[in-house]
Amino acid sequence: MTRHVAITRNRDTSASGVLLVIGIVLAALTEAIASTVLSLGRGDIIGDTYATPDEFAWLDVGYTAFKLIGFMVAASMLTRIRPLSLVIGSTLIMGLASGMASATTSLDLLIALRIVQGLAGGVLLVAGQATIFFAFRSAHQPILQALFAMGAVVAPATLAPTLQGWLLDSQSWIWIFYCNVVLSLGATGLLLMVDDPTPFMTRQRPFDWVGITLVSLALFCFTYVFSQGSRWDWFEQPRILWLSVVGVASLFLFLGQQVLRKGTGLLDFTVFRSDDFAFAFIVSFVAGAALFGSAFLIPSFAVSVLAFTPTDAGLLLLPSGTLFVGALLFAAFLMQVRRLPPFATVPFGILMITVAMWMLSGSTSESGAADMMAAILLRGLGLGFLFLSITLIAFTNLDRRNLASGIGLFNTGRQFGGLVGVAGLQTLIDHNVAANVAVLGSSVNAGGQAVIERLAGTTAMLAARGMDAVPASRAAMALLGRAVTGQSIVIAFDTAFTAVALLFVVAAPVLVAIKVGFARRAKARHTHPDR
């Protein structure tokens, strides 16, 4: 069945177009809040739901797995539902699920609602970004994609943690979901006021239920493995091993099934014929690891080592959001007005993130917000230069028939890179803490002069405050052990910050080589088109 559509070009300068963009950005913000609600509210939610950490993990696994599934099925849904209608529907579902989540402490119901939120969020991001591409001229895409990135990328990395930290300290975790209800209603109201930007003429394909089943199974298995692998010491736990096997098998079966469908499957893999998209897809994986990895490390370090409150931990990232937005808008200006090629800002983004992570690797237990701020600001600047560039590189040369598939795959690569990055950093920290405790503990022996002096001084201080001699001696030993553990954690986090910096040191030349290889292949195709 063929659907004929007309593109509304006068939207570019109309009030309707402004409302459309604002509505989509607000809708993307609902997903940003939902995706990060567990980062700071974990302890509060566990206390109210009486869940164990392993039970609580399903809230995160369910959301992330179905968000990835949403990325994958959104393209097929867009051939059946008008893009704006899909955005509105997904936003309303997100708001409804958030409202229900704020009214219950039943763990089972919360898990079900998180699954609904994840699926709606994944579809929402793909449909929203596709709508912007469909509704506006390509010449205006740099600034429009920068605005979309504020809701889809900047908000979960900076604004959402700040808002959630303040709400946790001043109100309750349910207020986070209340905010999502208000945002979803506001976004829906704005989107209902605009004309429907109908995109193009597309041929509707049969819904690939087999492909959806296989890829959903693969994504669920991988999400659980990377989210919980460190918790269970990876393949030492049989469930991690078996889920890994099932995930890999399902992925290969899915890819084989898509080949046999000969272009009528779930996804349109012709997007990889574009060298620009293939390169940007690879970069998105690395950038996702850096974005999500650093967004995990910085608040974790602030809360667990520096004893920041949730509000302070959120505020720590907020200033970087300003530079993140500034870099997005400046890069958009250079690309839209000065016609700068998108690839030109990629090296600057990589360099800034690398230097920022290297600077953070020198943090100590005595560090404060002021000591870390320069590195955090530099990180925000680098992310802004990097993410807009790879977005435009990925989608500028795609045609309207496979754009939605490209957006879904690109977002999947970024999210999956984030899963791998966070899992690797968490494992690195866990192993380094244990190793550091062993090394530092072996150096702190009872016969050492420095140890004797420290224990004597601590014991005397405790005794001066009214504690008896024997309990004071035991407390001094306990405090020394706590100091060793604390220093081990600091060293582990510093190693993790260094690992993120080294990721780009290793990845940068590889990415350059890939880019050069794609350029040579394109030149060869142009020179010998018959090959």
Protein backbone atom coordinates (compact mmCIF):
# COMPACT_ATOMS: atom_id res chain seq x y z
CA MET A 1 0.00 0.00 0.00
CA THR A 2 1.35 3.43 -0.96
CA ARG A 3 0.69 6.49 1.14
CA HIS A 4 0.87 9.88 -0.57
CA VAL A 5 1.97 12.77 1.51
CA ALA A 6 2.72 16.43 0.99
CA ILE A 7 5.56 18.26 2.68
CA THR A 8 4.65 21.54 4.31
CA ARG A 9 7.64 23.76 3.56
CA ASN A 10 6.24 27.05 4.79
CA ARG A 11 6.47 25.62 8.32
CA ASP A 12 10.11 26.67 8.52
CA THR A 13 9.32 30.23 9.59
CA SER A 14 5.81 29.84 10.94
CA ALA A 15 4.59 29.88 14.51
CA SER A 16 3.37 26.34 13.92
CA GLY A 17 6.91 25.22 13.22
CA VAL A 18 8.18 26.85 16.43
CA LEU A 19 5.48 25.11 18.46
CA LEU A 20 6.32 21.82 16.78
CA VAL A 21 9.99 22.00 17.76
CA ILE A 22 9.24 23.12 21.32
CA GLY A 23 6.70 20.35 21.73
CA ILE A 24 9.09 17.68 20.49
CA VAL A 25 11.92 18.94 22.73
CA LEU A 26 9.59 18.87 25.76
CA ALA A 27 8.47 15.37 24.79
CA ALA A 28 12.11 14.26 24.58
CA LEU A 29 12.64 15.79 28.02
CA THR A 30 10.04 13.41 29.49
CA GLU A 31 12.16 10.51 28.28
CA ALA A 32 15.30 12.12 29.72
CA ILE A 33 13.71 12.35 33.16
CA ALA A 34 12.34 8.80 33.03
CA SER A 35 15.65 7.34 31.87
CA THR A 36 17.66 8.86 34.73
CA VAL A 37 15.17 8.58 37.61
CA LEU A 38 17.01 5.60 39.11
CA SER A 39 20.48 7.17 39.10
CA LEU A 40 19.91 9.28 42.23
CA GLY A 41 16.57 7.97 43.52
CA ARG A 42 17.68 4.37 43.91
CA GLY A 43 17.92 4.34 47.71
CA ASP A 44 14.61 6.17 48.23
CA ILE A 45 12.70 3.88 45.88
CA ILE A 46 14.21 0.74 47.40
CA GLY A 47 13.15 1.93 50.84
CA ASP A 48 9.57 2.64 49.80
CA THR A 49 9.08 -0.54 47.77
CA TYR A 50 10.90 -2.85 50.23
CA ALA A 51 12.83 -4.30 47.29
CA THR A 52 16.20 -5.99 47.38
CA PRO A 53 18.88 -4.55 45.09
CA ASP A 54 18.49 -7.53 42.75
CA GLU A 55 14.72 -7.03 42.55
CA PHE A 56 15.19 -3.31 42.07
CA ALA A 57 17.54 -3.96 39.13
CA TRP A 58 14.58 -5.10 37.04
CA LEU A 59 13.29 -1.51 37.00
CA ASP A 60 16.42 -0.47 35.14
CA VAL A 61 16.76 -3.59 32.97
CA GLY A 62 13.11 -3.44 31.87
CA TYR A 63 13.30 0.24 30.94
CA THR A 64 16.58 0.03 29.02
CA ALA A 65 15.77 -3.20 27.17
CA PHE A 66 12.41 -1.96 25.94
CA LYS A 67 13.82 1.44 25.06
CA LEU A 68 16.23 -0.35 22.72
CA ILE A 69 13.33 -2.39 21.35
CA GLY A 70 11.44 0.87 20.79
CA PHE A 71 14.36 2.17 18.72
CA MET A 72 14.17 -0.92 16.54
CA VAL A 73 10.40 -1.02 15.92
CA ALA A 74 9.83 2.72 15.49
CA ALA A 75 10.69 2.69 11.77
CA SER A 76 8.04 0.04 11.05
CA MET A 77 5.49 1.96 13.10
CA LEU A 78 6.21 5.12 11.13
CA THR A 79 5.05 3.41 7.93
CA ARG A 80 1.63 2.86 9.54
CA ILE A 81 1.17 5.90 11.80
CA ARG A 82 1.81 9.51 10.92
CA PRO A 83 4.98 10.73 12.65
CA LEU A 84 3.33 13.51 14.65
CA SER A 85 0.54 11.17 15.78
CA LEU A 86 3.15 8.67 16.92
CA VAL A 87 5.01 11.37 18.88
CA ILE A 88 1.79 12.50 20.57
CA GLY A 89 0.73 8.94 21.38
CA SER A 90 4.14 8.01 22.81
CA THR A 91 4.22 11.20 24.91
CA LEU A 92 0.78 10.53 26.35
CA ILE A 93 1.73 6.94 27.17
CA MET A 94 4.89 8.19 28.87
CA GLY A 95 2.86 10.65 30.94
CA LEU A 96 0.20 8.07 31.84
CA ALA A 97 2.82 5.52 32.93
CA SER A 98 4.60 8.19 34.99
CA GLY A 99 1.37 9.18 36.68
CA MET A 100 0.61 5.58 37.60
CA ALA A 101 4.19 5.07 38.82
CA SER A 102 3.85 8.04 41.18
CA ALA A 103 0.76 6.49 42.77
CA THR A 104 2.09 3.02 43.60
CA THR A 105 4.83 1.35 45.60
CA SER A 106 4.12 -2.11 44.19
CA LEU A 107 7.38 -3.36 42.72
CA ASP A 108 5.70 -5.60 40.13
CA LEU A 109 3.54 -2.76 38.86
CA LEU A 110 6.50 -0.39 38.79
CA ILE A 111 8.47 -2.88 36.68
CA ALA A 112 5.56 -3.15 34.22
CA LEU A 113 5.27 0.64 34.06
CA ARG A 114 9.00 1.03 33.50
CA ILE A 115 8.73 -1.38 30.57
CA VAL A 116 5.93 0.75 29.09
CA GLN A 117 7.98 3.91 29.67
CA GLY A 118 11.02 2.41 27.97
CA LEU A 119 9.11 1.31 24.86
CA ALA A 120 7.29 4.63 24.60
CA GLY A 121 10.54 6.55 25.14
CA GLY A 122 12.40 4.70 22.41
CA VAL A 123 9.60 5.22 19.88
CA LEU A 124 9.24 8.85 20.98
CA LEU A 125 12.90 9.75 20.34
CA VAL A 126 12.97 8.17 16.87
CA ALA A 127 9.60 9.57 15.79
CA GLY A 128 10.40 13.02 17.21
CA GLN A 129 13.75 13.33 15.48
CA ALA A 130 12.33 11.95 12.22
CA THR A 131 9.48 14.48 12.38
CA ILE A 132 11.96 17.35 12.58
CA PHE A 133 13.85 16.02 9.56
CA PHE A 134 10.61 15.54 7.61
CA ALA A 135 9.07 18.92 8.44
CA PHE A 136 11.97 21.30 7.82
CA ARG A 137 14.46 22.04 5.08
CA SER A 138 17.88 20.40 5.28
CA ALA A 139 19.50 23.84 5.42
CA HIS A 140 17.87 24.43 8.81
CA GLN A 141 18.72 21.05 10.31
CA PRO A 142 21.93 22.04 12.21
CA ILE A 143 20.12 24.43 14.57
CA LEU A 144 17.03 22.20 14.81
CA GLN A 145 19.05 19.10 15.65
CA ALA A 146 20.96 21.12 18.24
CA LEU A 147 17.64 22.03 19.85
CA PHE A 148 16.47 18.41 19.76
CA ALA A 149 19.76 17.30 21.34
CA MET A 150 19.03 19.59 24.29
CA GLY A 151 16.10 17.39 25.24
CA ALA A 152 17.45 14.04 24.10
CA VAL A 153 21.15 14.26 25.07
CA VAL A 154 21.87 17.32 27.24
CA ALA A 155 18.94 16.86 29.62
CA PRO A 156 19.73 13.29 30.73
CA ALA A 157 23.40 14.21 31.16
CA THR A 158 22.95 17.45 33.13
CA LEU A 159 19.49 18.91 33.75
CA ALA A 160 17.62 15.75 34.82
CA PRO A 161 20.09 14.78 37.61
CA THR A 162 19.92 18.32 39.01
CA LEU A 163 16.12 18.38 39.04
CA GLN A 164 15.91 14.91 40.53
CA GLY A 165 18.49 15.64 43.23
CA TRP A 166 16.56 18.71 44.34
CA LEU A 167 13.24 16.84 44.35
CA LEU A 168 14.74 13.95 46.34
CA ASP A 169 16.15 16.27 48.98
CA SER A 170 13.13 18.58 49.24
CA GLN A 171 10.18 16.34 48.37
CA SER A 172 10.08 12.66 47.33
CA TRP A 173 10.94 10.46 44.36
CA ILE A 174 7.27 10.41 43.30
CA TRP A 175 7.58 14.11 42.43
CA ILE A 176 10.00 13.14 39.65
CA PHE A 177 7.18 11.22 37.99
CA TYR A 178 4.75 14.08 38.70
CA CYS A 179 7.05 16.38 36.72
CA ASN A 180 6.89 13.96 33.81
CA VAL A 181 3.11 14.05 33.85
CA VAL A 182 3.11 17.86 33.64
CA LEU A 183 5.74 17.88 30.86
CA SER A 184 3.92 15.24 28.81
CA LEU A 185 0.65 17.16 29.02
CA GLY A 186 2.40 20.40 28.06
CA ALA A 187 4.19 18.77 25.12
CA THR A 188 0.99 17.11 23.93
CA GLY A 189 -0.93 20.39 24.13
CA LEU A 190 1.65 22.16 21.96
CA LEU A 191 1.80 19.33 19.42
CA LEU A 192 -1.98 19.24 19.09
CA MET A 193 -1.89 22.92 18.09
CA VAL A 194 0.30 22.35 15.02
CA ASP A 195 -0.50 21.03 11.58
CA ASP A 196 0.53 17.46 10.92
CA PRO A 197 3.81 17.52 8.94
CA THR A 198 3.22 14.55 6.62
CA PRO A 199 6.59 13.45 5.33
CA PHE A 200 6.83 11.46 2.13
CA MET A 201 5.49 8.64 0.03
CA THR A 202 6.44 5.29 1.51
CA ARG A 203 5.62 1.68 0.82
CA GLN A 204 4.24 -0.14 3.80
CA ARG A 205 5.94 -3.49 4.50
CA PRO A 206 4.47 -6.48 6.30
CA PHE A 207 5.11 -6.33 10.03
CA ASP A 208 8.08 -8.59 10.77
CA TRP A 209 6.92 -10.40 13.92
CA VAL A 210 9.70 -12.99 13.73
CA GLY A 211 12.36 -10.30 13.45
CA ILE A 212 10.85 -8.32 16.33
CA THR A 213 10.81 -11.42 18.53
CA LEU A 214 14.42 -12.32 17.78
CA VAL A 215 15.86 -8.84 18.19
CA SER A 216 13.81 -8.23 21.35
CA LEU A 217 15.19 -11.42 22.89
CA ALA A 218 18.75 -10.42 21.94
CA LEU A 219 18.41 -6.89 23.31
CA PHE A 220 16.84 -8.07 26.56
CA CYS A 221 19.63 -10.59 27.13
CA PHE A 222 22.38 -8.08 26.36
CA THR A 223 20.80 -5.43 28.57
CA TYR A 224 20.64 -7.77 31.53
CA VAL A 225 24.19 -9.05 30.95
CA PHE A 226 25.75 -5.59 30.74
CA SER A 227 23.62 -4.12 33.53
CA GLN A 228 24.13 -6.98 35.99
CA GLY A 229 27.33 -8.63 34.80
CA SER A 230 29.54 -6.81 37.28
CA ARG A 231 27.10 -7.59 40.11
CA TRP A 232 27.42 -11.34 39.45
CA ASP A 233 31.14 -11.36 38.53
CA TRP A 234 30.26 -11.94 34.90
CA PHE A 235 30.65 -15.49 33.65
CA GLU A 236 31.20 -16.86 37.12
CA GLN A 237 27.41 -16.84 37.36
CA PRO A 238 25.69 -19.40 35.03
CA ARG A 239 22.74 -17.10 34.29
CA ILE A 240 25.08 -14.47 32.82
CA LEU A 241 26.76 -17.10 30.68
CA TRP A 242 23.50 -18.55 29.39
CA LEU A 243 21.94 -15.17 28.71
CA SER A 244 25.06 -14.19 26.76
CA VAL A 245 24.80 -17.33 24.65
CA VAL A 246 21.09 -16.81 24.04
CA GLY A 247 21.65 -13.15 23.19
CA VAL A 248 24.41 -13.85 20.66
CA ALA A 249 22.43 -16.70 19.07
CA SER A 250 19.30 -14.54 18.81
CA LEU A 251 21.27 -11.70 17.25
CA PHE A 252 22.79 -13.94 14.57
CA LEU A 253 19.40 -15.52 13.86
CA PHE A 254 17.90 -12.05 13.52
CA LEU A 255 20.60 -10.90 11.11
CA GLY A 256 20.23 -14.08 9.06
CA GLN A 257 16.45 -13.71 9.01
CA GLN A 258 16.78 -10.09 7.84
CA VAL A 259 19.04 -11.19 4.97
CA LEU A 260 16.50 -13.83 3.91
CA ARG A 261 13.70 -11.23 3.95
CA LYS A 262 15.60 -9.34 1.21
CA GLY A 263 14.69 -5.82 2.25
CA THR A 264 11.24 -6.56 3.68
CA GLY A 265 12.41 -7.23 7.25
CA LEU A 266 12.21 -5.15 10.39
CA LEU A 267 15.04 -2.77 9.54
CA ASP A 268 16.34 -1.20 6.38
CA PHE A 269 20.05 -1.99 6.45
CA THR A 270 20.64 -0.08 3.22
CA VAL A 271 21.56 2.83 5.50
CA PHE A 272 25.00 1.25 5.84
CA ARG A 273 25.59 1.84 2.15
CA SER A 274 26.14 5.44 3.18
CA ASP A 275 29.76 5.77 4.29
CA ASP A 276 28.86 8.80 6.39
CA PHE A 277 26.20 6.90 8.31
CA ALA A 278 28.45 3.86 8.81
CA PHE A 279 31.21 6.10 10.19
CA ALA A 280 28.82 8.05 12.44
CA PHE A 281 27.31 4.79 13.74
CA ILE A 282 30.74 3.63 14.88
CA VAL A 283 31.49 7.00 16.47
CA SER A 284 28.10 6.97 18.22
CA PHE A 285 29.07 3.76 20.00
CA VAL A 286 32.29 5.32 21.33
CA ALA A 287 30.58 8.63 22.12
CA GLY A 288 27.80 6.78 23.97
CA ALA A 289 30.38 5.00 26.10
CA ALA A 290 31.98 8.35 26.95
CA LEU A 291 28.69 10.19 27.58
CA PHE A 292 27.00 7.57 29.74
CA GLY A 293 30.26 6.43 31.32
CA SER A 294 31.27 9.91 32.47
CA ALA A 295 27.67 10.70 33.52
CA PHE A 296 27.85 7.57 35.70
CA LEU A 297 31.31 8.27 37.14
CA ILE A 298 31.00 11.93 38.12
CA PRO A 299 27.85 11.74 40.31
CA SER A 300 28.94 8.36 41.73
CA PHE A 301 32.29 9.83 42.76
CA ALA A 302 30.60 12.90 44.24
CA VAL A 303 28.11 10.87 46.30
CA SER A 304 30.25 7.89 47.39
CA VAL A 305 33.61 9.61 47.90
CA LEU A 306 32.92 13.29 48.47
CA ALA A 307 29.68 12.65 50.42
CA PHE A 308 27.66 15.08 48.29
CA THR A 309 23.90 15.16 48.74
CA PRO A 310 21.78 14.25 45.69
CA THR A 311 21.12 17.95 45.12
CA ASP A 312 24.83 18.83 45.24
CA ALA A 313 25.67 15.90 42.94
CA GLY A 314 23.09 17.10 40.43
CA LEU A 315 24.26 20.71 40.64
CA LEU A 316 27.80 19.53 39.95
CA LEU A 317 26.80 18.64 36.38
CA LEU A 318 24.47 21.56 35.75
CA PRO A 319 27.12 24.15 34.70
CA SER A 320 28.47 21.73 32.10
CA GLY A 321 24.99 21.67 30.58
CA THR A 322 25.32 25.38 29.83
CA LEU A 323 28.52 24.83 27.88
CA PHE A 324 27.04 21.70 26.31
CA VAL A 325 24.16 23.81 24.95
CA GLY A 326 26.53 26.63 24.00
CA ALA A 327 28.74 24.25 22.04
CA LEU A 328 25.71 22.76 20.27
CA LEU A 329 24.47 26.19 19.21
CA PHE A 330 27.93 27.43 18.21
CA ALA A 331 28.56 24.30 16.15
CA ALA A 332 25.12 24.69 14.57
CA PHE A 333 25.96 28.31 13.67
CA LEU A 334 29.23 27.25 12.06
CA MET A 335 27.58 24.50 10.05
CA GLN A 336 24.40 26.35 9.06
CA VAL A 337 25.72 29.88 8.48
CA ARG A 338 29.43 29.37 7.82
CA ARG A 339 28.91 26.04 5.98
CA LEU A 340 31.55 24.30 8.07
CA PRO A 341 31.62 20.54 7.35
CA PRO A 342 30.21 18.58 10.32
CA PHE A 343 33.31 16.42 10.60
CA ALA A 344 35.46 19.49 11.37
CA THR A 345 34.34 19.71 15.02
CA VAL A 346 34.69 15.98 15.80
CA PRO A 347 38.45 16.14 16.64
CA PHE A 348 37.89 19.11 18.98
CA GLY A 349 35.12 17.25 20.80
CA ILE A 350 37.25 14.14 21.24
CA LEU A 351 40.26 16.15 22.44
CA MET A 352 38.23 18.13 25.00
CA ILE A 353 36.58 15.03 26.47
CA THR A 354 39.95 13.28 26.69
CA VAL A 355 41.59 16.20 28.50
CA ALA A 356 38.58 16.57 30.83
CA MET A 357 38.71 12.92 31.90
CA TRP A 358 42.46 13.14 32.40
CA MET A 359 41.97 16.18 34.64
CA LEU A 360 39.33 14.35 36.70
CA SER A 361 41.69 11.42 37.18
CA GLY A 362 43.62 13.57 39.64
CA SER A 363 40.67 13.99 42.02
CA THR A 364 41.09 13.09 45.69
CA SER A 365 38.87 12.65 48.71
CA GLU A 366 39.63 16.28 49.56
CA SER A 367 38.42 17.56 46.18
CA GLY A 368 35.42 19.83 45.99
CA ALA A 369 33.12 21.13 43.30
CA ALA A 370 35.51 23.98 42.53
CA ASP A 371 38.41 21.55 41.97
CA MET A 372 36.42 19.47 39.47
CA MET A 373 34.52 22.25 37.73
CA ALA A 374 37.08 23.10 35.04
CA ALA A 375 37.18 19.48 33.86
CA ILE A 376 33.39 19.13 34.01
CA LEU A 377 32.90 22.30 31.97
CA LEU A 378 35.44 21.12 29.39
CA ARG A 379 33.57 17.81 29.16
CA GLY A 380 30.31 19.61 28.41
CA LEU A 381 31.99 21.68 25.71
CA GLY A 382 33.48 18.59 24.08
CA LEU A 383 30.22 16.66 24.10
CA GLY A 384 28.45 19.57 22.42
CA PHE A 385 30.95 19.69 19.57
CA LEU A 386 30.90 15.91 19.16
CA PHE A 387 27.21 14.98 19.26
CA LEU A 388 25.80 17.50 16.79
CA SER A 389 28.53 16.65 14.31
CA ILE A 390 27.95 12.91 14.33
CA THR A 391 24.17 13.44 14.12
CA LEU A 392 24.47 15.53 10.96
CA ILE A 393 27.10 13.23 9.48
CA ALA A 394 24.81 10.26 10.05
CA PHE A 395 21.54 11.57 8.64
CA THR A 396 22.25 14.36 6.15
CA ASN A 397 22.78 12.04 3.19
CA LEU A 398 20.07 9.48 4.02
CA ASP A 399 16.94 9.58 1.88
CA ARG A 400 13.47 9.76 3.36
CA ARG A 401 12.78 6.07 2.83
CA ASN A 402 15.43 4.83 5.26
CA LEU A 403 15.87 7.85 7.53
CA ALA A 404 13.76 6.42 10.37
CA SER A 405 15.68 3.13 10.28
CA GLY A 406 18.91 5.09 10.40
CA ILE A 407 17.76 7.12 13.42
CA GLY A 408 16.72 3.93 15.22
CA LEU A 409 20.03 2.18 14.55
CA PHE A 410 22.06 5.27 15.47
CA ASN A 411 20.28 5.64 18.81
CA THR A 412 20.66 1.92 19.45
CA GLY A 413 24.41 2.20 18.87
CA ARG A 414 24.70 5.15 21.25
CA GLN A 415 22.62 3.50 23.98
CA PHE A 416 24.40 0.17 23.59
CA GLY A 417 27.76 1.91 23.74
CA GLY A 418 26.59 3.50 26.98
CA LEU A 419 25.65 0.09 28.40
CA VAL A 420 29.05 -1.33 27.53
CA GLY A 421 30.87 1.74 28.85
CA VAL A 422 29.09 1.81 32.22
CA ALA A 423 29.46 -1.98 32.63
CA GLY A 424 33.18 -1.78 31.92
CA LEU A 425 33.72 1.11 34.31
CA GLN A 426 31.69 -0.52 37.06
CA THR A 427 33.70 -3.72 36.71
CA LEU A 428 36.96 -1.76 36.66
CA ILE A 429 36.01 0.07 39.86
CA ASP A 430 34.90 -3.11 41.66
CA HIS A 431 38.08 -4.99 40.80
CA ASN A 432 40.34 -2.04 41.55
CA VAL A 433 38.77 -1.40 44.94
CA ALA A 434 39.46 -5.00 45.98
CA ALA A 435 42.99 -4.92 44.59
CA ASN A 436 43.75 -1.52 46.14
CA VAL A 437 42.51 -2.61 49.56
CA ALA A 438 44.81 -5.65 49.39
CA VAL A 439 47.84 -3.58 48.34
CA LEU A 440 47.26 -0.72 50.79
CA GLY A 441 46.29 -3.12 53.58
CA SER A 442 49.54 -5.05 53.17
CA SER A 443 51.45 -1.81 53.55
CA VAL A 444 49.63 -0.90 56.76
CA ASN A 445 51.15 -3.41 59.17
CA ALA A 446 50.79 -3.23 62.90
CA GLY A 447 54.53 -2.87 63.47
CA GLY A 448 55.04 0.17 61.25
CA GLN A 449 56.08 3.33 63.01
CA ALA A 450 53.64 5.52 61.05
CA VAL A 451 50.79 3.12 61.82
CA ILE A 452 51.64 3.05 65.52
CA GLU A 453 51.75 6.83 65.68
CA ARG A 454 48.45 7.22 63.85
CA LEU A 455 46.69 4.62 66.02
CA ALA A 456 48.09 6.21 69.17
CA GLY A 457 47.01 9.67 68.08
CA THR A 458 43.50 8.52 67.14
CA THR A 459 43.14 6.53 70.37
CA ALA A 460 44.21 9.53 72.44
CA MET A 461 41.74 11.78 70.62
CA LEU A 462 38.86 9.36 71.24
CA ALA A 463 39.87 8.88 74.87
CA ALA A 464 39.96 12.66 75.33
CA ARG A 465 36.33 12.72 74.19
CA GLY A 466 35.28 10.31 76.92
CA MET A 467 35.77 6.88 75.38
CA ASP A 468 37.43 4.14 77.43
CA ALA A 469 40.90 2.99 76.45
CA VAL A 470 40.01 -0.44 75.02
CA PRO A 471 37.02 0.69 72.93
CA ALA A 472 39.04 3.69 71.80
CA SER A 473 41.83 1.41 70.56
CA ARG A 474 39.35 -0.73 68.64
CA ALA A 475 37.65 2.32 67.16
CA ALA A 476 41.03 3.67 66.05
CA MET A 477 41.69 0.40 64.19
CA ALA A 478 38.25 0.61 62.57
CA LEU A 479 38.84 4.21 61.49
CA LEU A 480 42.19 3.25 59.99
CA GLY A 481 40.53 0.44 58.05
CA ARG A 482 37.87 2.85 56.81
CA ALA A 483 40.57 5.26 55.66
CA VAL A 484 42.29 2.48 53.70
CA THR A 485 39.00 1.52 52.04
CA GLY A 486 38.20 5.15 51.27
CA GLN A 487 41.57 5.71 49.65
CA SER A 488 41.14 2.50 47.65
CA ILE A 489 37.84 3.79 46.27
CA VAL A 490 39.42 7.12 45.32
CA ILE A 491 42.21 5.37 43.42
CA ALA A 492 39.66 3.12 41.69
CA PHE A 493 37.62 6.11 40.48
CA ASP A 494 40.76 7.91 39.31
CA THR A 495 41.66 4.79 37.31
CA ALA A 496 38.16 4.78 35.80
CA PHE A 497 38.47 8.44 34.76
CA THR A 498 41.80 7.62 33.16
CA ALA A 499 40.19 4.67 31.34
CA VAL A 500 37.64 6.98 29.68
CA ALA A 501 40.47 9.26 28.56
CA LEU A 502 42.41 6.28 27.20
CA LEU A 503 39.30 5.12 25.35
CA PHE A 504 39.55 8.16 23.11
CA VAL A 505 43.34 7.98 22.90
CA VAL A 506 42.97 4.49 21.46
CA ALA A 507 39.76 5.13 19.51
CA ALA A 508 40.79 8.40 17.84
CA PRO A 509 43.42 6.94 15.46
CA VAL A 510 41.13 3.99 14.75
CA LEU A 511 38.27 6.33 13.84
CA VAL A 512 40.58 8.40 11.63
CA ALA A 513 41.72 5.24 9.84
CA ILE A 514 38.10 4.17 9.31
CA LYS A 515 37.23 7.62 7.94
CA VAL A 516 40.19 7.52 5.56
CA GLY A 517 39.20 4.02 4.46
CA PHE A 518 35.63 5.13 3.72
CA ALA A 519 36.93 8.14 1.79
CA ARG A 520 39.19 5.97 -0.35
CA ARG A 521 36.34 3.54 -1.03
CA ALA A 522 34.08 6.40 -2.08
CA LYS A 523 36.79 7.77 -4.37
CA ALA A 524 37.29 4.33 -5.91
CA ARG A 525 33.54 3.98 -6.53
CA HIS A 526 33.47 7.42 -8.15
CA THR A 527 36.47 6.64 -10.34
CA HIS A 528 35.24 3.15 -11.30
CA PRO A 529 31.43 3.24 -11.02
CA ASP A 530 31.11 -0.12 -12.79
CA ARG A 531 32.88 -1.96 -9.95
